[in-house]
């Protein structure tokens, strides 16, 4: 059974763990960094060693870190690379992760590093396919009865669990109203993506709206 390593920080990462355990057959090894961290950490690897985090998290092929701190994320990337981790996924976007430095670390260790603004844009790659066949860009299958969505099956969903929340509340909706309602349901979910502007939670809503449109189209074509 494939194991996913997850590094949490406060509330961040807990919903991912819940989704992995409830929606997949993957195992989770988890450890945590403190919720409150200094703005600047001079010696991040020494700082991490002082935290006594569970190093077995780096025995996983795929590690997802919610450290959300540029200094700490770099140190975690080095530790993951040294341990032979195949892929490191970093939610929170470039503002929380120094992308250029991370690119150098990825090259040094031959490790895939993905920095994601929102979790539902994760695309499958050879190093991450064990996770992404369950959790990545949403894919749905719908049944339609007399112009009404009668069932929604999640083939692949967002790591935060929002896709399943949307799918449940979409049943009973008119087909023509379903895509727009899907986007609204995602934005009503307690999503932690950035609000305001055109990205963040709005992008997540648009992704799920398209997933519903595609599922309806496939059903009609069949």
C-alpha atoms as a PDB file:
ATOM      1  CA  UNK A   1       0.000   0.000   0.000  1.00  0.00           C
ATOM      2  CA  UNK A   2       1.330   3.408  -1.010  1.00  0.00           C
ATOM      3  CA  UNK A   3       2.094   5.835   1.803  1.00  0.00           C
ATOM      4  CA  UNK A   4       1.766   9.615   1.547  1.00  0.00           C
ATOM      5  CA  UNK A   5       3.771  11.769   3.945  1.00  0.00           C
ATOM      6  CA  UNK A   6       1.968  14.898   5.179  1.00  0.00           C
ATOM      7  CA  UNK A   7       3.491  17.742   7.194  1.00  0.00           C
ATOM      8  CA  UNK A   8       0.768  19.800   8.835  1.00  0.00           C
ATOM      9  CA  UNK A   9       0.799  23.248  10.413  1.00  0.00           C
ATOM     10  CA  UNK A  10      -2.106  24.087  12.667  1.00  0.00           C
ATOM     11  CA  UNK A  11      -5.327  23.392  10.772  1.00  0.00           C
ATOM     12  CA  UNK A  12      -3.532  23.246   7.420  1.00  0.00           C
ATOM     13  CA  UNK A  13      -3.177  19.718   6.094  1.00  0.00           C
ATOM     14  CA  UNK A  14      -5.776  18.081   8.331  1.00  0.00           C
ATOM     15  CA  UNK A  15      -8.510  18.027   5.682  1.00  0.00           C
ATOM     16  CA  UNK A  16      -6.096  16.479   3.190  1.00  0.00           C
ATOM     17  CA  UNK A  17      -5.376  13.682   5.663  1.00  0.00           C
ATOM     18  CA  UNK A  18      -9.108  13.159   6.267  1.00  0.00           C
ATOM     19  CA  UNK A  19      -9.742  12.979   2.513  1.00  0.00           C
ATOM     20  CA  UNK A  20      -6.898  10.525   1.868  1.00  0.00           C
ATOM     21  CA  UNK A  21      -8.073   8.222   4.634  1.00  0.00           C
ATOM     22  CA  UNK A  22     -11.771   8.371   3.744  1.00  0.00           C
ATOM     23  CA  UNK A  23     -11.656   8.479  -0.064  1.00  0.00           C
ATOM     24  CA  UNK A  24      -8.589   6.422  -1.056  1.00  0.00           C
ATOM     25  CA  UNK A  25      -6.766   3.222  -0.106  1.00  0.00           C
ATOM     26  CA  UNK A  26      -3.540   5.138   0.570  1.00  0.00           C
ATOM     27  CA  UNK A  27      -1.817   5.251   3.940  1.00  0.00           C
ATOM     28  CA  UNK A  28      -0.680   8.454   5.658  1.00  0.00           C
ATOM     29  CA  UNK A  29       2.366   9.195   7.761  1.00  0.00           C
ATOM     30  CA  UNK A  30       2.054  12.615   9.337  1.00  0.00           C
ATOM     31  CA  UNK A  31       4.080  15.008  11.400  1.00  0.00           C
ATOM     32  CA  UNK A  32       3.606  18.658  12.292  1.00  0.00           C
ATOM     33  CA  UNK A  33       5.446  21.946  12.544  1.00  0.00           C
ATOM     34  CA  UNK A  34       4.250  24.609  15.002  1.00  0.00           C
ATOM     35  CA  UNK A  35       1.406  26.843  13.942  1.00  0.00           C
ATOM     36  CA  UNK A  36       3.276  29.919  15.197  1.00  0.00           C
ATOM     37  CA  UNK A  37       6.695  30.380  13.598  1.00  0.00           C
ATOM     38  CA  UNK A  38       9.208  33.255  13.468  1.00  0.00           C
ATOM     39  CA  UNK A  39       9.000  35.417  10.339  1.00  0.00           C
ATOM     40  CA  UNK A  40      12.640  34.599   9.599  1.00  0.00           C
ATOM     41  CA  UNK A  41      14.446  31.375  10.505  1.00  0.00           C
ATOM     42  CA  UNK A  42      18.215  31.744  10.240  1.00  0.00           C
ATOM     43  CA  UNK A  43      19.146  28.033  10.368  1.00  0.00           C
ATOM     44  CA  UNK A  44      16.005  26.214   9.233  1.00  0.00           C
ATOM     45  CA  UNK A  45      17.465  22.693   9.149  1.00  0.00           C
ATOM     46  CA  UNK A  46      18.751  23.073  12.709  1.00  0.00           C
ATOM     47  CA  UNK A  47      15.379  24.555  13.645  1.00  0.00           C
ATOM     48  CA  UNK A  48      13.620  21.495  12.218  1.00  0.00           C
ATOM     49  CA  UNK A  49      15.957  19.143  14.072  1.00  0.00           C
ATOM     50  CA  UNK A  50      15.073  20.972  17.285  1.00  0.00           C
ATOM     51  CA  UNK A  51      11.388  20.323  16.664  1.00  0.00           C
ATOM     52  CA  UNK A  52      11.958  16.558  16.712  1.00  0.00           C
ATOM     53  CA  UNK A  53       9.539  16.038  13.838  1.00  0.00           C
ATOM     54  CA  UNK A  54       8.828  12.439  12.872  1.00  0.00           C
ATOM     55  CA  UNK A  55      11.464  11.805  10.203  1.00  0.00           C
ATOM     56  CA  UNK A  56       9.592   8.696   9.013  1.00  0.00           C
ATOM     57  CA  UNK A  57       7.418  11.101   7.013  1.00  0.00           C
ATOM     58  CA  UNK A  58      10.328  11.182   4.538  1.00  0.00           C
ATOM     59  CA  UNK A  59      10.148   7.410   4.016  1.00  0.00           C
ATOM     60  CA  UNK A  60       7.186   8.112   1.702  1.00  0.00           C
ATOM     61  CA  UNK A  61       7.559   8.415  -2.074  1.00  0.00           C
ATOM     62  CA  UNK A  62       5.308  11.498  -2.038  1.00  0.00           C
ATOM     63  CA  UNK A  63       5.435  14.179   0.658  1.00  0.00           C
ATOM     64  CA  UNK A  64       3.012  17.096   0.944  1.00  0.00           C
ATOM     65  CA  UNK A  65       4.119  19.935   3.193  1.00  0.00           C
ATOM     66  CA  UNK A  66       1.858  22.619   4.614  1.00  0.00           C
ATOM     67  CA  UNK A  67       4.795  24.364   6.304  1.00  0.00           C
ATOM     68  CA  UNK A  68       3.734  27.616   4.575  1.00  0.00           C
ATOM     69  CA  UNK A  69       7.048  29.249   5.459  1.00  0.00           C
ATOM     70  CA  UNK A  70       9.762  29.939   2.826  1.00  0.00           C
ATOM     71  CA  UNK A  71      12.707  29.113   5.106  1.00  0.00           C
ATOM     72  CA  UNK A  72      11.172  25.960   6.544  1.00  0.00           C
ATOM     73  CA  UNK A  73       9.922  24.736   3.172  1.00  0.00           C
ATOM     74  CA  UNK A  74      13.442  24.910   1.735  1.00  0.00           C
ATOM     75  CA  UNK A  75      14.813  22.904   4.662  1.00  0.00           C
ATOM     76  CA  UNK A  76      12.051  20.322   4.242  1.00  0.00           C
ATOM     77  CA  UNK A  77      12.855  20.072   0.525  1.00  0.00           C
ATOM     78  CA  UNK A  78      16.517  19.327   1.328  1.00  0.00           C
ATOM     79  CA  UNK A  79      15.530  16.683   3.885  1.00  0.00           C
ATOM     80  CA  UNK A  80      13.095  15.096   1.422  1.00  0.00           C
ATOM     81  CA  UNK A  81      15.712  15.047  -1.327  1.00  0.00           C
ATOM     82  CA  UNK A  82      18.341  13.468   0.910  1.00  0.00           C
ATOM     83  CA  UNK A  83      15.833  10.792   1.942  1.00  0.00           C
ATOM     84  CA  UNK A  84      15.046   9.873  -1.668  1.00  0.00           C
ATOM     85  CA  UNK A  85      11.489  11.246  -1.815  1.00  0.00           C
ATOM     86  CA  UNK A  86      10.236  11.119  -5.423  1.00  0.00           C
ATOM     87  CA  UNK A  87       7.880  14.099  -5.252  1.00  0.00           C
ATOM     88  CA  UNK A  88       7.353  17.033  -2.894  1.00  0.00           C
ATOM     89  CA  UNK A  89       4.058  18.904  -3.197  1.00  0.00           C
ATOM     90  CA  UNK A  90       3.877  22.385  -1.662  1.00  0.00           C
ATOM     91  CA  UNK A  91       0.414  23.988  -1.339  1.00  0.00           C
ATOM     92  CA  UNK A  92       0.124  27.687  -0.634  1.00  0.00           C
ATOM     93  CA  UNK A  93       1.647  29.111  -3.788  1.00  0.00           C
ATOM     94  CA  UNK A  94       4.872  30.903  -4.610  1.00  0.00           C
ATOM     95  CA  UNK A  95       4.409  33.498  -1.856  1.00  0.00           C
ATOM     96  CA  UNK A  96       5.081  30.725   0.667  1.00  0.00           C
ATOM     97  CA  UNK A  97       7.833  28.987  -1.284  1.00  0.00           C
ATOM     98  CA  UNK A  98      10.964  30.387  -3.008  1.00  0.00           C
ATOM     99  CA  UNK A  99      10.420  28.780  -6.401  1.00  0.00           C
ATOM    100  CA  UNK A 100      13.869  29.446  -7.899  1.00  0.00           C
ATOM    101  CA  UNK A 101      15.663  27.936  -4.905  1.00  0.00           C
ATOM    102  CA  UNK A 102      13.318  24.963  -4.933  1.00  0.00           C
ATOM    103  CA  UNK A 103      14.026  24.379  -8.632  1.00  0.00           C
ATOM    104  CA  UNK A 104      17.708  24.060  -7.761  1.00  0.00           C
ATOM    105  CA  UNK A 105      16.934  21.562  -5.011  1.00  0.00           C
ATOM    106  CA  UNK A 106      14.749  19.533  -7.390  1.00  0.00           C
ATOM    107  CA  UNK A 107      17.600  19.346  -9.892  1.00  0.00           C
ATOM    108  CA  UNK A 108      20.175  18.450  -7.243  1.00  0.00           C
ATOM    109  CA  UNK A 109      18.225  15.477  -5.923  1.00  0.00           C
ATOM    110  CA  UNK A 110      16.303  14.462  -9.058  1.00  0.00           C
ATOM    111  CA  UNK A 111      13.066  15.104  -7.198  1.00  0.00           C
ATOM    112  CA  UNK A 112       9.822  16.519  -8.566  1.00  0.00           C
ATOM    113  CA  UNK A 113       8.732  19.645  -6.670  1.00  0.00           C
ATOM    114  CA  UNK A 114       5.247  21.027  -7.331  1.00  0.00           C
ATOM    115  CA  UNK A 115       4.202  24.406  -5.893  1.00  0.00           C
ATOM    116  CA  UNK A 116       0.413  24.755  -6.077  1.00  0.00           C
ATOM    117  CA  UNK A 117      -1.736  27.854  -5.450  1.00  0.00           C
ATOM    118  CA  UNK A 118      -4.847  25.714  -5.017  1.00  0.00           C
ATOM    119  CA  UNK A 119      -5.011  21.991  -4.430  1.00  0.00           C
ATOM    120  CA  UNK A 120      -7.469  21.165  -7.226  1.00  0.00           C
ATOM    121  CA  UNK A 121      -5.014  22.140  -9.992  1.00  0.00           C
ATOM    122  CA  UNK A 122      -2.625  19.288  -9.224  1.00  0.00           C
ATOM    123  CA  UNK A 123      -1.868  17.381 -12.427  1.00  0.00           C
ATOM    124  CA  UNK A 124      -0.742  13.762 -12.522  1.00  0.00           C
ATOM    125  CA  UNK A 125       2.893  13.104 -13.371  1.00  0.00           C
ATOM    126  CA  UNK A 126       4.790   9.810 -13.193  1.00  0.00           C
ATOM    127  CA  UNK A 127       6.092  10.664  -9.712  1.00  0.00           C
ATOM    128  CA  UNK A 128       2.653  11.590  -8.363  1.00  0.00           C
ATOM    129  CA  UNK A 129       0.297   9.254 -10.218  1.00  0.00           C
ATOM    130  CA  UNK A 130      -0.243   7.079  -7.113  1.00  0.00           C
ATOM    131  CA  UNK A 131      -1.880  10.080  -5.431  1.00  0.00           C
ATOM    132  CA  UNK A 132      -3.352  11.843  -8.443  1.00  0.00           C
ATOM    133  CA  UNK A 133      -5.444   8.907  -9.609  1.00  0.00           C
ATOM    134  CA  UNK A 134      -7.573   9.704  -6.560  1.00  0.00           C
ATOM    135  CA  UNK A 135      -6.884  13.360  -5.745  1.00  0.00           C
ATOM    136  CA  UNK A 136      -6.145  15.973  -8.386  1.00  0.00           C
ATOM    137  CA  UNK A 137      -8.151  17.889 -11.002  1.00  0.00           C
ATOM    138  CA  UNK A 138     -11.772  16.789 -10.422  1.00  0.00           C
ATOM    139  CA  UNK A 139     -13.446  14.300 -12.732  1.00  0.00           C
ATOM    140  CA  UNK A 140     -17.083  13.277 -12.360  1.00  0.00           C
ATOM    141  CA  UNK A 141     -19.665  10.841 -13.697  1.00  0.00           C
ATOM    142  CA  UNK A 142     -23.329  11.849 -13.606  1.00  0.00           C
ATOM    143  CA  UNK A 143     -26.684  10.198 -14.176  1.00  0.00           C
ATOM    144  CA  UNK A 144     -29.591  12.233 -15.530  1.00  0.00           C
ATOM    145  CA  UNK A 145     -33.277  11.449 -15.113  1.00  0.00           C
ATOM    146  CA  UNK A 146     -35.835  13.648 -16.890  1.00  0.00           C
ATOM    147  CA  UNK A 147     -33.506  16.614 -17.023  1.00  0.00           C
ATOM    148  CA  UNK A 148     -32.464  16.299 -13.352  1.00  0.00           C
ATOM    149  CA  UNK A 149     -29.079  15.234 -11.970  1.00  0.00           C
ATOM    150  CA  UNK A 150     -29.976  11.952 -10.231  1.00  0.00           C
ATOM    151  CA  UNK A 151     -26.499  10.907  -9.086  1.00  0.00           C
ATOM    152  CA  UNK A 152     -22.932  12.181  -9.105  1.00  0.00           C
ATOM    153  CA  UNK A 153     -19.935   9.867  -8.783  1.00  0.00           C
ATOM    154  CA  UNK A 154     -16.549  11.394  -7.994  1.00  0.00           C
ATOM    155  CA  UNK A 155     -13.913   9.624 -10.081  1.00  0.00           C
ATOM    156  CA  UNK A 156     -11.199  12.012  -8.923  1.00  0.00           C
ATOM    157  CA  UNK A 157     -11.571  14.879  -6.469  1.00  0.00           C
ATOM    158  CA  UNK A 158      -9.824  17.851  -4.920  1.00  0.00           C
ATOM    159  CA  UNK A 159      -7.473  16.904  -2.058  1.00  0.00           C
ATOM    160  CA  UNK A 160      -9.368  19.177   0.342  1.00  0.00           C
ATOM    161  CA  UNK A 161     -12.579  17.152  -0.086  1.00  0.00           C
ATOM    162  CA  UNK A 162     -14.627  19.933  -1.678  1.00  0.00           C
ATOM    163  CA  UNK A 163     -15.549  17.811  -4.725  1.00  0.00           C
ATOM    164  CA  UNK A 164     -17.481  15.300  -2.601  1.00  0.00           C
ATOM    165  CA  UNK A 165     -19.257  18.144  -0.781  1.00  0.00           C
ATOM    166  CA  UNK A 166     -20.334  19.553  -4.138  1.00  0.00           C
ATOM    167  CA  UNK A 167     -21.349  16.176  -5.583  1.00  0.00           C
ATOM    168  CA  UNK A 168     -23.672  15.384  -2.684  1.00  0.00           C
ATOM    169  CA  UNK A 169     -25.559  18.688  -2.925  1.00  0.00           C
ATOM    170  CA  UNK A 170     -25.779  18.634  -6.716  1.00  0.00           C
ATOM    171  CA  UNK A 171     -28.244  15.726  -6.799  1.00  0.00           C
ATOM    172  CA  UNK A 172     -31.758  16.949  -7.651  1.00  0.00           C
ATOM    173  CA  UNK A 173     -30.523  19.950  -9.638  1.00  0.00           C
ATOM    174  CA  UNK A 174     -31.739  20.714 -13.162  1.00  0.00           C
ATOM    175  CA  UNK A 175     -29.104  19.861 -15.738  1.00  0.00           C
ATOM    176  CA  UNK A 176     -28.961  23.415 -17.080  1.00  0.00           C
ATOM    177  CA  UNK A 177     -28.394  24.799 -13.575  1.00  0.00           C
ATOM    178  CA  UNK A 178     -25.853  22.208 -12.421  1.00  0.00           C
ATOM    179  CA  UNK A 179     -22.540  23.747 -13.605  1.00  0.00           C
ATOM    180  CA  UNK A 180     -23.244  27.159 -12.053  1.00  0.00           C
ATOM    181  CA  UNK A 181     -24.482  25.557  -8.848  1.00  0.00           C
ATOM    182  CA  UNK A 182     -21.312  23.444  -8.703  1.00  0.00           C
ATOM    183  CA  UNK A 183     -19.144  26.545  -8.736  1.00  0.00           C
ATOM    184  CA  UNK A 184     -21.257  28.134  -6.014  1.00  0.00           C
ATOM    185  CA  UNK A 185     -21.127  25.045  -3.808  1.00  0.00           C
ATOM    186  CA  UNK A 186     -17.339  24.974  -4.011  1.00  0.00           C
ATOM    187  CA  UNK A 187     -17.141  28.606  -2.945  1.00  0.00           C
ATOM    188  CA  UNK A 188     -19.496  27.879  -0.028  1.00  0.00           C
ATOM    189  CA  UNK A 189     -17.292  25.003   1.122  1.00  0.00           C
ATOM    190  CA  UNK A 190     -14.882  26.144   3.851  1.00  0.00           C
ATOM    191  CA  UNK A 191     -12.171  26.381   1.220  1.00  0.00           C
ATOM    192  CA  UNK A 192      -8.916  27.964   2.363  1.00  0.00           C
ATOM    193  CA  UNK A 193      -7.939  29.216  -1.072  1.00  0.00           C
ATOM    194  CA  UNK A 194      -7.325  32.935  -1.416  1.00  0.00           C
ATOM    195  CA  UNK A 195     -10.498  35.009  -1.762  1.00  0.00           C
ATOM    196  CA  UNK A 196     -10.708  38.155  -3.857  1.00  0.00           C
ATOM    197  CA  UNK A 197      -9.203  38.655  -7.304  1.00  0.00           C
ATOM    198  CA  UNK A 198      -9.605  36.212 -10.160  1.00  0.00           C
ATOM    199  CA  UNK A 199      -7.618  33.246  -8.799  1.00  0.00           C
ATOM    200  CA  UNK A 200      -7.879  31.269  -5.610  1.00  0.00           C
ATOM    201  CA  UNK A 201     -11.362  30.162  -4.662  1.00  0.00           C
ATOM    202  CA  UNK A 202     -12.819  31.551  -7.923  1.00  0.00           C
ATOM    203  CA  UNK A 203     -10.479  29.362  -9.948  1.00  0.00           C
ATOM    204  CA  UNK A 204     -11.471  26.371  -7.835  1.00  0.00           C
ATOM    205  CA  UNK A 205     -15.131  27.098  -8.525  1.00  0.00           C
ATOM    206  CA  UNK A 206     -14.474  27.385 -12.269  1.00  0.00           C
ATOM    207  CA  UNK A 207     -12.572  24.076 -12.307  1.00  0.00           C
ATOM    208  CA  UNK A 208     -15.495  22.258 -10.698  1.00  0.00           C
ATOM    209  CA  UNK A 209     -17.998  24.003 -12.952  1.00  0.00           C
ATOM    210  CA  UNK A 210     -16.080  22.667 -15.963  1.00  0.00           C
ATOM    211  CA  UNK A 211     -15.910  19.185 -14.423  1.00  0.00           C
ATOM    212  CA  UNK A 212     -19.714  19.137 -14.188  1.00  0.00           C
ATOM    213  CA  UNK A 213     -20.092  20.475 -17.746  1.00  0.00           C
ATOM    214  CA  UNK A 214     -17.760  17.747 -19.038  1.00  0.00           C
ATOM    215  CA  UNK A 215     -19.591  15.016 -17.121  1.00  0.00           C
ATOM    216  CA  UNK A 216     -22.971  16.155 -18.490  1.00  0.00           C
ATOM    217  CA  UNK A 217     -21.576  16.267 -22.019  1.00  0.00           C
ATOM    218  CA  UNK A 218     -20.176  12.738 -21.764  1.00  0.00           C
ATOM    219  CA  UNK A 219     -23.489  11.443 -20.426  1.00  0.00           C
ATOM    220  CA  UNK A 220     -25.463  13.029 -23.280  1.00  0.00           C
ATOM    221  CA  UNK A 221     -23.022  11.696 -25.880  1.00  0.00           C
ATOM    222  CA  UNK A 222     -23.496   8.173 -24.537  1.00  0.00           C
END
